[in-house]
Amino acid sequence: MLLPVAVVLCAGAAGLAVWSLVAAVRGVRPSTGQLVAAALLEGALLLQTVMGSVLLATTDRDVDPVTFVGYHLTALAVLVLGVGWGIADRSRWGNGVFAIAAATEIVLVLRLVQIWAGRG
């Protein structure tokens, strides 16, 4: 698990969460820009999953593979489901769902860092 990648992912997710929260307060629907940002974040999460799987296969660290891969797959699924729900919701709360999904990504990525460091 590469710490610089985790920092970039957390920063991107935090940016998307704040953007979406501001849009929810303003009462607008999710924008195309938010969808692009979410797609870029999902791509980065996919890259992290591939890198994490390769590192897991080649490491001698004491990392539980089921937990590690499970968190990676959950991180991939949460954003996709959150974006889908946010688009389907015709109210201002579609952005609220975007914000919650992005904030959840921060927690999942930080947890992956903990697991990789052997503290989980």
PDB file of N, CA and C in Angstrom:
ATOM      1  N   MET A   1       0.854  -1.168   0.000  1.00  0.00           N
ATOM      2  CA  MET A   1       0.000   0.000   0.000  1.00  0.00           C
ATOM      3  C   MET A   1       0.896   1.225   0.000  1.00  0.00           C
ATOM      4  N   LEU A   2       0.815   2.000  -1.030  1.00  0.00           N
ATOM      5  CA  LEU A   2       1.663   3.173  -1.156  1.00  0.00           C
ATOM      6  C   LEU A   2       0.989   4.385  -0.521  1.00  0.00           C
ATOM      7  N   LEU A   3       1.672   4.999   0.441  1.00  0.00           N
ATOM      8  CA  LEU A   3       1.103   6.127   1.170  1.00  0.00           C
ATOM      9  C   LEU A   3       0.803   7.324   0.270  1.00  0.00           C
ATOM     10  N   PRO A   4       1.664   7.675  -0.693  1.00  0.00           N
ATOM     11  CA  PRO A   4       1.323   8.811  -1.563  1.00  0.00           C
ATOM     12  C   PRO A   4       0.011   8.604  -2.337  1.00  0.00           C
ATOM     13  N   VAL A   5      -0.244   7.388  -2.762  1.00  0.00           N
ATOM     14  CA  VAL A   5      -1.495   7.096  -3.469  1.00  0.00           C
ATOM     15  C   VAL A   5      -2.675   7.281  -2.518  1.00  0.00           C
ATOM     16  N   ALA A   6      -2.521   6.817  -1.284  1.00  0.00           N
ATOM     17  CA  ALA A   6      -3.592   6.966  -0.299  1.00  0.00           C
ATOM     18  C   ALA A   6      -3.867   8.442   0.002  1.00  0.00           C
ATOM     19  N   VAL A   7      -2.819   9.241   0.066  1.00  0.00           N
ATOM     20  CA  VAL A   7      -2.990  10.676   0.333  1.00  0.00           C
ATOM     21  C   VAL A   7      -3.741  11.338  -0.818  1.00  0.00           C
ATOM     22  N   VAL A   8      -3.376  11.002  -2.049  1.00  0.00           N
ATOM     23  CA  VAL A   8      -4.057  11.573  -3.218  1.00  0.00           C
ATOM     24  C   VAL A   8      -5.522  11.145  -3.244  1.00  0.00           C
ATOM     25  N   LEU A   9      -5.787   9.874  -2.939  1.00  0.00           N
ATOM     26  CA  LEU A   9      -7.166   9.394  -2.913  1.00  0.00           C
ATOM     27  C   LEU A   9      -7.987  10.105  -1.840  1.00  0.00           C
ATOM     28  N   CYS A  10      -7.410  10.270  -0.663  1.00  0.00           N
ATOM     29  CA  CYS A  10      -8.136  10.955   0.413  1.00  0.00           C
ATOM     30  C   CYS A  10      -8.390  12.411   0.053  1.00  0.00           C
ATOM     31  N   ALA A  11      -7.413  13.061  -0.554  1.00  0.00           N
ATOM     32  CA  ALA A  11      -7.598  14.458  -0.952  1.00  0.00           C
ATOM     33  C   ALA A  11      -8.681  14.577  -2.023  1.00  0.00           C
ATOM     34  N   GLY A  12      -8.661  13.680  -2.998  1.00  0.00           N
ATOM     35  CA  GLY A  12      -9.684  13.705  -4.041  1.00  0.00           C
ATOM     36  C   GLY A  12     -11.073  13.432  -3.488  1.00  0.00           C
ATOM     37  N   ALA A  13     -11.163  12.458  -2.595  1.00  0.00           N
ATOM     38  CA  ALA A  13     -12.454  12.141  -1.985  1.00  0.00           C
ATOM     39  C   ALA A  13     -12.941  13.286  -1.104  1.00  0.00           C
ATOM     40  N   ALA A  14     -12.028  13.935  -0.396  1.00  0.00           N
ATOM     41  CA  ALA A  14     -12.416  15.073   0.437  1.00  0.00           C
ATOM     42  C   ALA A  14     -12.909  16.232  -0.433  1.00  0.00           C
ATOM     43  N   GLY A  15     -12.233  16.454  -1.543  1.00  0.00           N
ATOM     44  CA  GLY A  15     -12.675  17.509  -2.455  1.00  0.00           C
ATOM     45  C   GLY A  15     -14.060  17.240  -3.007  1.00  0.00           C
ATOM     46  N   LEU A  16     -14.302  15.996  -3.412  1.00  0.00           N
ATOM     47  CA  LEU A  16     -15.619  15.621  -3.929  1.00  0.00           C
ATOM     48  C   LEU A  16     -16.681  15.727  -2.844  1.00  0.00           C
ATOM     49  N   ALA A  17     -16.336  15.342  -1.623  1.00  0.00           N
ATOM     50  CA  ALA A  17     -17.299  15.418  -0.514  1.00  0.00           C
ATOM     51  C   ALA A  17     -17.682  16.864  -0.225  1.00  0.00           C
ATOM     52  N   VAL A  18     -16.709  17.755  -0.183  1.00  0.00           N
ATOM     53  CA  VAL A  18     -17.001  19.165   0.091  1.00  0.00           C
ATOM     54  C   VAL A  18     -17.812  19.770  -1.048  1.00  0.00           C
ATOM     55  N   TRP A  19     -17.397  19.502  -2.277  1.00  0.00           N
ATOM     56  CA  TRP A  19     -18.116  20.003  -3.457  1.00  0.00           C
ATOM     57  C   TRP A  19     -19.580  19.556  -3.411  1.00  0.00           C
ATOM     58  N   SER A  20     -19.787  18.277  -3.104  1.00  0.00           N
ATOM     59  CA  SER A  20     -21.137  17.732  -3.072  1.00  0.00           C
ATOM     60  C   SER A  20     -21.940  18.285  -1.906  1.00  0.00           C
ATOM     61  N   LEU A  21     -21.298  18.487  -0.779  1.00  0.00           N
ATOM     62  CA  LEU A  21     -21.990  19.051   0.379  1.00  0.00           C
ATOM     63  C   LEU A  21     -22.433  20.487   0.109  1.00  0.00           C
ATOM     64  N   VAL A  22     -21.556  21.270  -0.507  1.00  0.00           N
ATOM     65  CA  VAL A  22     -21.919  22.646  -0.865  1.00  0.00           C
ATOM     66  C   VAL A  22     -23.087  22.643  -1.852  1.00  0.00           C
ATOM     67  N   ALA A  23     -23.034  21.741  -2.831  1.00  0.00           N
ATOM     68  CA  ALA A  23     -24.125  21.656  -3.812  1.00  0.00           C
ATOM     69  C   ALA A  23     -25.428  21.224  -3.146  1.00  0.00           C
ATOM     70  N   ALA A  24     -25.350  20.346  -2.153  1.00  0.00           N
ATOM     71  CA  ALA A  24     -26.566  19.923  -1.436  1.00  0.00           C
ATOM     72  C   ALA A  24     -27.163  21.088  -0.663  1.00  0.00           C
ATOM     73  N   VAL A  25     -26.312  21.877  -0.026  1.00  0.00           N
ATOM     74  CA  VAL A  25     -26.796  23.042   0.713  1.00  0.00           C
ATOM     75  C   VAL A  25     -27.423  24.054  -0.246  1.00  0.00           C
ATOM     76  N   ARG A  26     -26.840  24.198  -1.427  1.00  0.00           N
ATOM     77  CA  ARG A  26     -27.379  25.114  -2.427  1.00  0.00           C
ATOM     78  C   ARG A  26     -28.661  24.584  -3.055  1.00  0.00           C
ATOM     79  N   GLY A  27     -28.926  23.295  -2.901  1.00  0.00           N
ATOM     80  CA  GLY A  27     -30.162  22.709  -3.400  1.00  0.00           C
ATOM     81  C   GLY A  27     -30.144  22.357  -4.874  1.00  0.00           C
ATOM     82  N   VAL A  28     -28.964  22.038  -5.406  1.00  0.00           N
ATOM     83  CA  VAL A  28     -28.875  21.681  -6.821  1.00  0.00           C
ATOM     84  C   VAL A  28     -28.607  20.190  -6.981  1.00  0.00           C
ATOM     85  N   ARG A  29     -28.846  19.713  -8.178  1.00  0.00           N
ATOM     86  CA  ARG A  29     -28.589  18.301  -8.491  1.00  0.00           C
ATOM     87  C   ARG A  29     -27.110  18.088  -8.794  1.00  0.00           C
ATOM     88  N   PRO A  30     -26.638  16.845  -8.731  1.00  0.00           N
ATOM     89  CA  PRO A  30     -25.234  16.568  -9.075  1.00  0.00           C
ATOM     90  C   PRO A  30     -24.909  17.032 -10.503  1.00  0.00           C
ATOM     91  N   SER A  31     -23.753  17.645 -10.655  1.00  0.00           N
ATOM     92  CA  SER A  31     -23.352  18.197 -11.946  1.00  0.00           C
ATOM     93  C   SER A  31     -22.496  17.199 -12.720  1.00  0.00           C
ATOM     94  N   THR A  32     -22.303  17.512 -13.980  1.00  0.00           N
ATOM     95  CA  THR A  32     -21.429  16.689 -14.821  1.00  0.00           C
ATOM     96  C   THR A  32     -20.007  16.693 -14.272  1.00  0.00           C
ATOM     97  N   GLY A  33     -19.566  17.830 -13.765  1.00  0.00           N
ATOM     98  CA  GLY A  33     -18.234  17.916 -13.169  1.00  0.00           C
ATOM     99  C   GLY A  33     -18.062  16.968 -11.996  1.00  0.00           C
ATOM    100  N   GLN A  34     -19.092  16.858 -11.192  1.00  0.00           N
ATOM    101  CA  GLN A  34     -19.028  15.922 -10.071  1.00  0.00           C
ATOM    102  C   GLN A  34     -18.960  14.484 -10.563  1.00  0.00           C
ATOM    103  N   LEU A  35     -19.702  14.192 -11.610  1.00  0.00           N
ATOM    104  CA  LEU A  35     -19.656  12.837 -12.170  1.00  0.00           C
ATOM    105  C   LEU A  35     -18.272  12.519 -12.718  1.00  0.00           C
ATOM    106  N   VAL A  36     -17.654  13.490 -13.377  1.00  0.00           N
ATOM    107  CA  VAL A  36     -16.296  13.292 -13.897  1.00  0.00           C
ATOM    108  C   VAL A  36     -15.319  13.086 -12.739  1.00  0.00           C
ATOM    109  N   ALA A  37     -15.446  13.914 -11.691  1.00  0.00           N
ATOM    110  CA  ALA A  37     -14.578  13.777 -10.519  1.00  0.00           C
ATOM    111  C   ALA A  37     -14.760  12.406  -9.869  1.00  0.00           C
ATOM    112  N   ALA A  38     -16.001  11.943  -9.770  1.00  0.00           N
ATOM    113  CA  ALA A  38     -16.262  10.620  -9.185  1.00  0.00           C
ATOM    114  C   ALA A  38     -15.685   9.515 -10.059  1.00  0.00           C
ATOM    115  N   ALA A  39     -15.775   9.677 -11.383  1.00  0.00           N
ATOM    116  CA  ALA A  39     -15.204   8.674 -12.291  1.00  0.00           C
ATOM    117  C   ALA A  39     -13.682   8.632 -12.162  1.00  0.00           C
ATOM    118  N   LEU A  40     -13.053   9.789 -12.045  1.00  0.00           N
ATOM    119  CA  LEU A  40     -11.601   9.827 -11.854  1.00  0.00           C
ATOM    120  C   LEU A  40     -11.204   9.190 -10.526  1.00  0.00           C
ATOM    121  N   LEU A  41     -11.977   9.472  -9.501  1.00  0.00           N
ATOM    122  CA  LEU A  41     -11.710   8.865  -8.199  1.00  0.00           C
ATOM    123  C   LEU A  41     -11.889   7.350  -8.265  1.00  0.00           C
ATOM    124  N   GLU A  42     -12.909   6.902  -8.957  1.00  0.00           N
ATOM    125  CA  GLU A  42     -13.126   5.457  -9.095  1.00  0.00           C
ATOM    126  C   GLU A  42     -11.976   4.808  -9.854  1.00  0.00           C
ATOM    127  N   GLY A  43     -11.496   5.484 -10.898  1.00  0.00           N
ATOM    128  CA  GLY A  43     -10.338   4.964 -11.635  1.00  0.00           C
ATOM    129  C   GLY A  43      -9.112   4.867 -10.756  1.00  0.00           C
ATOM    130  N   ALA A  44      -8.894   5.871  -9.924  1.00  0.00           N
ATOM    131  CA  ALA A  44      -7.760   5.842  -9.003  1.00  0.00           C
ATOM    132  C   ALA A  44      -7.929   4.735  -7.961  1.00  0.00           C
ATOM    133  N   LEU A  45      -9.154   4.516  -7.515  1.00  0.00           N
ATOM    134  CA  LEU A  45      -9.408   3.415  -6.580  1.00  0.00           C
ATOM    135  C   LEU A  45      -9.153   2.060  -7.232  1.00  0.00           C
ATOM    136  N   LEU A  46      -9.523   1.934  -8.494  1.00  0.00           N
ATOM    137  CA  LEU A  46      -9.252   0.695  -9.220  1.00  0.00           C
ATOM    138  C   LEU A  46      -7.754   0.474  -9.348  1.00  0.00           C
ATOM    139  N   LEU A  47      -7.020   1.525  -9.653  1.00  0.00           N
ATOM    140  CA  LEU A  47      -5.564   1.437  -9.732  1.00  0.00           C
ATOM    141  C   LEU A  47      -4.979   1.026  -8.383  1.00  0.00           C
ATOM    142  N   GLN A  48      -5.497   1.598  -7.314  1.00  0.00           N
ATOM    143  CA  GLN A  48      -5.042   1.234  -5.977  1.00  0.00           C
ATOM    144  C   GLN A  48      -5.331  -0.238  -5.686  1.00  0.00           C
ATOM    145  N   THR A  49      -6.479  -0.719  -6.119  1.00  0.00           N
ATOM    146  CA  THR A  49      -6.829  -2.116  -5.899  1.00  0.00           C
ATOM    147  C   THR A  49      -5.859  -3.044  -6.623  1.00  0.00           C
ATOM    148  N   VAL A  50      -5.534  -2.707  -7.854  1.00  0.00           N
ATOM    149  CA  VAL A  50      -4.583  -3.523  -8.621  1.00  0.00           C
ATOM    150  C   VAL A  50      -3.208  -3.485  -7.956  1.00  0.00           C
ATOM    151  N   MET A  51      -2.745  -2.279  -7.612  1.00  0.00           N
ATOM    152  CA  MET A  51      -1.434  -2.153  -6.967  1.00  0.00           C
ATOM    153  C   MET A  51      -1.414  -2.878  -5.618  1.00  0.00           C
ATOM    154  N   GLY A  52      -2.484  -2.726  -4.851  1.00  0.00           N
ATOM    155  CA  GLY A  52      -2.548  -3.392  -3.556  1.00  0.00           C
ATOM    156  C   GLY A  52      -2.542  -4.903  -3.682  1.00  0.00           C
ATOM    157  N   SER A  53      -3.213  -5.424  -4.693  1.00  0.00           N
ATOM    158  CA  SER A  53      -3.235  -6.876  -4.907  1.00  0.00           C
ATOM    159  C   SER A  53      -1.863  -7.392  -5.302  1.00  0.00           C
ATOM    160  N   VAL A  54      -1.177  -6.648  -6.154  1.00  0.00           N
ATOM    161  CA  VAL A  54       0.180  -7.042  -6.551  1.00  0.00           C
ATOM    162  C   VAL A  54       1.113  -6.989  -5.348  1.00  0.00           C
ATOM    163  N   LEU A  55       1.036  -5.917  -4.574  1.00  0.00           N
ATOM    164  CA  LEU A  55       1.875  -5.815  -3.382  1.00  0.00           C
ATOM    165  C   LEU A  55       1.558  -6.918  -2.373  1.00  0.00           C
ATOM    166  N   LEU A  56       0.287  -7.234  -2.235  1.00  0.00           N
ATOM    167  CA  LEU A  56      -0.110  -8.303  -1.311  1.00  0.00           C
ATOM    168  C   LEU A  56       0.472  -9.640  -1.743  1.00  0.00           C
ATOM    169  N   ALA A  57       0.478  -9.897  -3.045  1.00  0.00           N
ATOM    170  CA  ALA A  57       0.993 -11.166  -3.557  1.00  0.00           C
ATOM    171  C   ALA A  57       2.508 -11.273  -3.426  1.00  0.00           C
ATOM    172  N   THR A  58       3.195 -10.138  -3.326  1.00  0.00           N
ATOM    173  CA  THR A  58       4.653 -10.171  -3.312  1.00  0.00           C
ATOM    174  C   THR A  58       5.260  -9.757  -1.975  1.00  0.00           C
ATOM    175  N   THR A  59       4.450  -9.573  -0.955  1.00  0.00           N
ATOM    176  CA  THR A  59       4.975  -9.095   0.323  1.00  0.00           C
ATOM    177  C   THR A  59       5.175 -10.236   1.309  1.00  0.00           C
ATOM    178  N   ASP A  60       6.006  -9.963   2.298  1.00  0.00           N
ATOM    179  CA  ASP A  60       6.150 -10.906   3.401  1.00  0.00           C
ATOM    180  C   ASP A  60       5.536 -10.327   4.679  1.00  0.00           C
ATOM    181  N   ARG A  61       4.782  -9.244   4.527  1.00  0.00           N
ATOM    182  CA  ARG A  61       4.087  -8.640   5.672  1.00  0.00           C
ATOM    183  C   ARG A  61       2.992  -9.565   6.175  1.00  0.00           C
ATOM    184  N   ASP A  62       2.640  -9.375   7.440  1.00  0.00           N
ATOM    185  CA  ASP A  62       1.551 -10.152   8.033  1.00  0.00           C
ATOM    186  C   ASP A  62       0.241  -9.387   7.814  1.00  0.00           C
ATOM    187  N   VAL A  63      -0.318  -9.543   6.606  1.00  0.00           N
ATOM    188  CA  VAL A  63      -1.552  -8.861   6.223  1.00  0.00           C
ATOM    189  C   VAL A  63      -2.607  -9.920   5.926  1.00  0.00           C
ATOM    190  N   ASP A  64      -3.776  -9.776   6.547  1.00  0.00           N
ATOM    191  CA  ASP A  64      -4.859 -10.710   6.267  1.00  0.00           C
ATOM    192  C   ASP A  64      -5.394 -10.426   4.864  1.00  0.00           C
ATOM    193  N   PRO A  65      -5.204 -11.356   3.926  1.00  0.00           N
ATOM    194  CA  PRO A  65      -5.598 -11.088   2.544  1.00  0.00           C
ATOM    195  C   PRO A  65      -7.099 -10.904   2.361  1.00  0.00           C
ATOM    196  N   VAL A  66      -7.917 -11.607   3.116  1.00  0.00           N
ATOM    197  CA  VAL A  66      -9.368 -11.494   2.961  1.00  0.00           C
ATOM    198  C   VAL A  66      -9.832 -10.101   3.376  1.00  0.00           C
ATOM    199  N   THR A  67      -9.338  -9.628   4.498  1.00  0.00           N
ATOM    200  CA  THR A  67      -9.709  -8.288   4.964  1.00  0.00           C
ATOM    201  C   THR A  67      -9.206  -7.224   4.005  1.00  0.00           C
ATOM    202  N   PHE A  68      -7.964  -7.353   3.568  1.00  0.00           N
ATOM    203  CA  PHE A  68      -7.349  -6.359   2.685  1.00  0.00           C
ATOM    204  C   PHE A  68      -8.093  -6.271   1.354  1.00  0.00           C
ATOM    205  N   VAL A  69      -8.338  -7.401   0.731  1.00  0.00           N
ATOM    206  CA  VAL A  69      -9.053  -7.409  -0.554  1.00  0.00           C
ATOM    207  C   VAL A  69     -10.511  -7.000  -0.345  1.00  0.00           C
ATOM    208  N   GLY A  70     -11.094  -7.397   0.762  1.00  0.00           N
ATOM    209  CA  GLY A  70     -12.474  -7.010   1.052  1.00  0.00           C
ATOM    210  C   GLY A  70     -12.645  -5.502   1.160  1.00  0.00           C
ATOM    211  N   TYR A  71     -11.701  -4.840   1.814  1.00  0.00           N
ATOM    212  CA  TYR A  71     -11.765  -3.381   1.904  1.00  0.00           C
ATOM    213  C   TYR A  71     -11.585  -2.738   0.531  1.00  0.00           C
ATOM    214  N   HIS A  72     -10.704  -3.297  -0.277  1.00  0.00           N
ATOM    215  CA  HIS A  72     -10.530  -2.767  -1.633  1.00  0.00           C
ATOM    216  C   HIS A  72     -11.818  -2.887  -2.441  1.00  0.00           C
ATOM    217  N   LEU A  73     -12.449  -4.035  -2.389  1.00  0.00           N
ATOM    218  CA  LEU A  73     -13.681  -4.238  -3.150  1.00  0.00           C
ATOM    219  C   LEU A  73     -14.813  -3.365  -2.614  1.00  0.00           C
ATOM    220  N   THR A  74     -14.856  -3.187  -1.305  1.00  0.00           N
ATOM    221  CA  THR A  74     -15.868  -2.311  -0.716  1.00  0.00           C
ATOM    222  C   THR A  74     -15.655  -0.869  -1.165  1.00  0.00           C
ATOM    223  N   ALA A  75     -14.399  -0.434  -1.196  1.00  0.00           N
ATOM    224  CA  ALA A  75     -14.098   0.931  -1.656  1.00  0.00           C
ATOM    225  C   ALA A  75     -14.552   1.129  -3.097  1.00  0.00           C
ATOM    226  N   LEU A  76     -14.360   0.128  -3.926  1.00  0.00           N
ATOM    227  CA  LEU A  76     -14.813   0.227  -5.317  1.00  0.00           C
ATOM    228  C   LEU A  76     -16.337   0.288  -5.395  1.00  0.00           C
ATOM    229  N   ALA A  77     -17.011  -0.511  -4.591  1.00  0.00           N
ATOM    230  CA  ALA A  77     -18.469  -0.604  -4.672  1.00  0.00           C
ATOM    231  C   ALA A  77     -19.174   0.613  -4.082  1.00  0.00           C
ATOM    232  N   VAL A  78     -18.652   1.163  -2.997  1.00  0.00           N
ATOM    233  CA  VAL A  78     -19.334   2.275  -2.312  1.00  0.00           C
ATOM    234  C   VAL A  78     -19.501   3.473  -3.232  1.00  0.00           C
ATOM    235  N   LEU A  79     -18.451   3.834  -3.944  1.00  0.00           N
ATOM    236  CA  LEU A  79     -18.544   5.014  -4.800  1.00  0.00           C
ATOM    237  C   LEU A  79     -19.501   4.780  -5.962  1.00  0.00           C
ATOM    238  N   VAL A  80     -19.444   3.611  -6.559  1.00  0.00           N
ATOM    239  CA  VAL A  80     -20.352   3.304  -7.680  1.00  0.00           C
ATOM    240  C   VAL A  80     -21.802   3.340  -7.207  1.00  0.00           C
ATOM    241  N   LEU A  81     -22.082   2.709  -6.090  1.00  0.00           N
ATOM    242  CA  LEU A  81     -23.451   2.694  -5.567  1.00  0.00           C
ATOM    243  C   LEU A  81     -23.902   4.093  -5.144  1.00  0.00           C
ATOM    244  N   GLY A  82     -23.008   4.848  -4.520  1.00  0.00           N
ATOM    245  CA  GLY A  82     -23.354   6.201  -4.106  1.00  0.00           C
ATOM    246  C   GLY A  82     -23.649   7.115  -5.283  1.00  0.00           C
ATOM    247  N   VAL A  83     -22.851   7.011  -6.326  1.00  0.00           N
ATOM    248  CA  VAL A  83     -23.087   7.827  -7.524  1.00  0.00           C
ATOM    249  C   VAL A  83     -24.396   7.414  -8.198  1.00  0.00           C
ATOM    250  N   GLY A  84     -24.630   6.125  -8.291  1.00  0.00           N
ATOM    251  CA  GLY A  84     -25.882   5.658  -8.888  1.00  0.00           C
ATOM    252  C   GLY A  84     -27.099   6.144  -8.121  1.00  0.00           C
ATOM    253  N   TRP A  85     -27.037   6.059  -6.815  1.00  0.00           N
ATOM    254  CA  TRP A  85     -28.145   6.519  -5.979  1.00  0.00           C
ATOM    255  C   TRP A  85     -28.279   8.039  -6.079  1.00  0.00           C
ATOM    256  N   GLY A  86     -27.154   8.738  -6.069  1.00  0.00           N
ATOM    257  CA  GLY A  86     -27.192  10.190  -6.151  1.00  0.00           C
ATOM    258  C   GLY A  86     -27.780  10.697  -7.455  1.00  0.00           C
ATOM    259  N   ILE A  87     -27.499  10.014  -8.548  1.00  0.00           N
ATOM    260  CA  ILE A  87     -28.067  10.397  -9.844  1.00  0.00           C
ATOM    261  C   ILE A  87     -29.562  10.093  -9.883  1.00  0.00           C
ATOM    262  N   ALA A  88     -29.950   8.968  -9.297  1.00  0.00           N
ATOM    263  CA  ALA A  88     -31.359   8.566  -9.320  1.00  0.00           C
ATOM    264  C   ALA A  88     -32.230   9.467  -8.444  1.00  0.00           C
ATOM    265  N   ASP A  89     -31.655  10.038  -7.410  1.00  0.00           N
ATOM    266  CA  ASP A  89     -32.410  10.902  -6.504  1.00  0.00           C
ATOM    267  C   ASP A  89     -32.604  12.269  -7.158  1.00  0.00           C
ATOM    268  N   ARG A  90     -33.816  12.630  -7.409  1.00  0.00           N
ATOM    269  CA  ARG A  90     -34.127  13.880  -8.112  1.00  0.00           C
ATOM    270  C   ARG A  90     -34.127  15.104  -7.197  1.00  0.00           C
ATOM    271  N   SER A  91     -33.907  14.909  -5.928  1.00  0.00           N
ATOM    272  CA  SER A  91     -33.925  16.046  -5.004  1.00  0.00           C
ATOM    273  C   SER A  91     -32.504  16.553  -4.762  1.00  0.00           C
ATOM    274  N   ARG A  92     -32.384  17.525  -3.897  1.00  0.00           N
ATOM    275  CA  ARG A  92     -31.080  18.065  -3.535  1.00  0.00           C
ATOM    276  C   ARG A  92     -30.220  17.037  -2.818  1.00  0.00           C
ATOM    277  N   TRP A  93     -30.849  15.997  -2.286  1.00  0.00           N
ATOM    278  CA  TRP A  93     -30.122  15.027  -1.478  1.00  0.00           C
ATOM    279  C   TRP A  93     -29.321  14.038  -2.300  1.00  0.00           C
ATOM    280  N   GLY A  94     -29.464  14.109  -3.626  1.00  0.00           N
ATOM    281  CA  GLY A  94     -28.557  13.331  -4.473  1.00  0.00           C
ATOM    282  C   GLY A  94     -27.118  13.735  -4.201  1.00  0.00           C
ATOM    283  N   ASN A  95     -26.905  15.031  -4.002  1.00  0.00           N
ATOM    284  CA  ASN A  95     -25.574  15.516  -3.651  1.00  0.00           C
ATOM    285  C   ASN A  95     -25.183  15.094  -2.241  1.00  0.00           C
ATOM    286  N   GLY A  96     -26.164  14.979  -1.357  1.00  0.00           N
ATOM    287  CA  GLY A  96     -25.877  14.484  -0.017  1.00  0.00           C
ATOM    288  C   GLY A  96     -25.349  13.058  -0.052  1.00  0.00           C
ATOM    289  N   VAL A  97     -25.929  12.242  -0.920  1.00  0.00           N
ATOM    290  CA  VAL A  97     -25.459  10.861  -1.075  1.00  0.00           C
ATOM    291  C   VAL A  97     -24.044  10.859  -1.651  1.00  0.00           C
ATOM    292  N   PHE A  98     -23.778  11.718  -2.628  1.00  0.00           N
ATOM    293  CA  PHE A  98     -22.424  11.855  -3.178  1.00  0.00           C
ATOM    294  C   PHE A  98     -21.435  12.178  -2.049  1.00  0.00           C
ATOM    295  N   ALA A  99     -21.803  13.138  -1.202  1.00  0.00           N
ATOM    296  CA  ALA A  99     -20.917  13.574  -0.121  1.00  0.00           C
ATOM    297  C   ALA A  99     -20.642  12.437   0.862  1.00  0.00           C
ATOM    298  N   ILE A 100     -21.666  11.695   1.211  1.00  0.00           N
ATOM    299  CA  ILE A 100     -21.494  10.586   2.153  1.00  0.00           C
ATOM    300  C   ILE A 100     -20.635   9.487   1.541  1.00  0.00           C
ATOM    301  N   ALA A 101     -20.863   9.171   0.270  1.00  0.00           N
ATOM    302  CA  ALA A 101     -20.052   8.147  -0.400  1.00  0.00           C
ATOM    303  C   ALA A 101     -18.588   8.572  -0.454  1.00  0.00           C
ATOM    304  N   ALA A 102     -18.329   9.828  -0.782  1.00  0.00           N
ATOM    305  CA  ALA A 102     -16.947  10.307  -0.860  1.00  0.00           C
ATOM    306  C   ALA A 102     -16.286  10.298   0.514  1.00  0.00           C
ATOM    307  N   ALA A 103     -17.017  10.697   1.558  1.00  0.00           N
ATOM    308  CA  ALA A 103     -16.467  10.670   2.917  1.00  0.00           C
ATOM    309  C   ALA A 103     -16.184   9.238   3.362  1.00  0.00           C
ATOM    310  N   THR A 104     -17.034   8.316   2.956  1.00  0.00           N
ATOM    311  CA  THR A 104     -16.812   6.904   3.275  1.00  0.00           C
ATOM    312  C   THR A 104     -15.535   6.395   2.621  1.00  0.00           C
ATOM    313  N   GLU A 105     -15.241   6.879   1.420  1.00  0.00           N
ATOM    314  CA  GLU A 105     -14.008   6.488   0.740  1.00  0.00           C
ATOM    315  C   GLU A 105     -12.782   6.882   1.552  1.00  0.00           C
ATOM    316  N   ILE A 106     -12.825   8.046   2.171  1.00  0.00           N
ATOM    317  CA  ILE A 106     -11.695   8.480   2.995  1.00  0.00           C
ATOM    318  C   ILE A 106     -11.458   7.481   4.120  1.00  0.00           C
ATOM    319  N   VAL A 107     -12.529   7.090   4.792  1.00  0.00           N
ATOM    320  CA  VAL A 107     -12.425   6.142   5.905  1.00  0.00           C
ATOM    321  C   VAL A 107     -11.888   4.799   5.412  1.00  0.00           C
ATOM    322  N   LEU A 108     -12.384   4.318   4.284  1.00  0.00           N
ATOM    323  CA  LEU A 108     -11.943   3.031   3.756  1.00  0.00           C
ATOM    324  C   LEU A 108     -10.467   3.054   3.362  1.00  0.00           C
ATOM    325  N   VAL A 109     -10.032   4.126   2.728  1.00  0.00           N
ATOM    326  CA  VAL A 109      -8.622   4.225   2.325  1.00  0.00           C
ATOM    327  C   VAL A 109      -7.719   4.300   3.554  1.00  0.00           C
ATOM    328  N   LEU A 110      -8.116   5.085   4.546  1.00  0.00           N
ATOM    329  CA  LEU A 110      -7.310   5.158   5.771  1.00  0.00           C
ATOM    330  C   LEU A 110      -7.258   3.809   6.479  1.00  0.00           C
ATOM    331  N   ARG A 111      -8.351   3.093   6.446  1.00  0.00           N
ATOM    332  CA  ARG A 111      -8.365   1.748   7.051  1.00  0.00           C
ATOM    333  C   ARG A 111      -7.449   0.792   6.294  1.00  0.00           C
ATOM    334  N   LEU A 112      -7.406   0.911   4.974  1.00  0.00           N
ATOM    335  CA  LEU A 112      -6.483   0.092   4.183  1.00  0.00           C
ATOM    336  C   LEU A 112      -5.030   0.377   4.559  1.00  0.00           C
ATOM    337  N   VAL A 113      -4.712   1.634   4.802  1.00  0.00           N
ATOM    338  CA  VAL A 113      -3.362   1.998   5.226  1.00  0.00           C
ATOM    339  C   VAL A 113      -3.057   1.338   6.565  1.00  0.00           C
ATOM    340  N   GLN A 114      -4.014   1.351   7.487  1.00  0.00           N
ATOM    341  CA  GLN A 114      -3.820   0.710   8.787  1.00  0.00           C
ATOM    342  C   GLN A 114      -3.609  -0.794   8.644  1.00  0.00           C
ATOM    343  N   ILE A 115      -4.413  -1.433   7.829  1.00  0.00           N
ATOM    344  CA  ILE A 115      -4.302  -2.872   7.631  1.00  0.00           C
ATOM    345  C   ILE A 115      -2.927  -3.212   7.051  1.00  0.00           C
ATOM    346  N   TRP A 116      -2.499  -2.427   6.064  1.00  0.00           N
ATOM    347  CA  TRP A 116      -1.219  -2.686   5.420  1.00  0.00           C
ATOM    348  C   TRP A 116      -0.063  -2.492   6.414  1.00  0.00           C
ATOM    349  N   ALA A 117      -0.207  -1.546   7.325  1.00  0.00           N
ATOM    350  CA  ALA A 117       0.842  -1.285   8.308  1.00  0.00           C
ATOM    351  C   ALA A 117       0.851  -2.317   9.435  1.00  0.00           C
ATOM    352  N   GLY A 118      -0.131  -3.220   9.439  1.00  0.00           N
ATOM    353  CA  GLY A 118      -0.166  -4.259  10.458  1.00  0.00           C
ATOM    354  C   GLY A 118      -0.905  -3.853  11.716  1.00  0.00           C
ATOM    355  N   ARG A 119      -1.690  -2.794  11.635  1.00  0.00           N
ATOM    356  CA  ARG A 119      -2.445  -2.344  12.802  1.00  0.00           C
ATOM    357  C   ARG A 119      -3.926  -2.677  12.641  1.00  0.00           C
ATOM    358  N   GLY A 120      -4.227  -3.800  12.039  1.00  0.00           N
ATOM    359  CA  GLY A 120      -5.632  -4.096  11.846  1.00  0.00           C
ATOM    360  C   GLY A 120      -5.833  -5.524  11.634  1.00  0.00           C
TER     361      GLY A 120
END
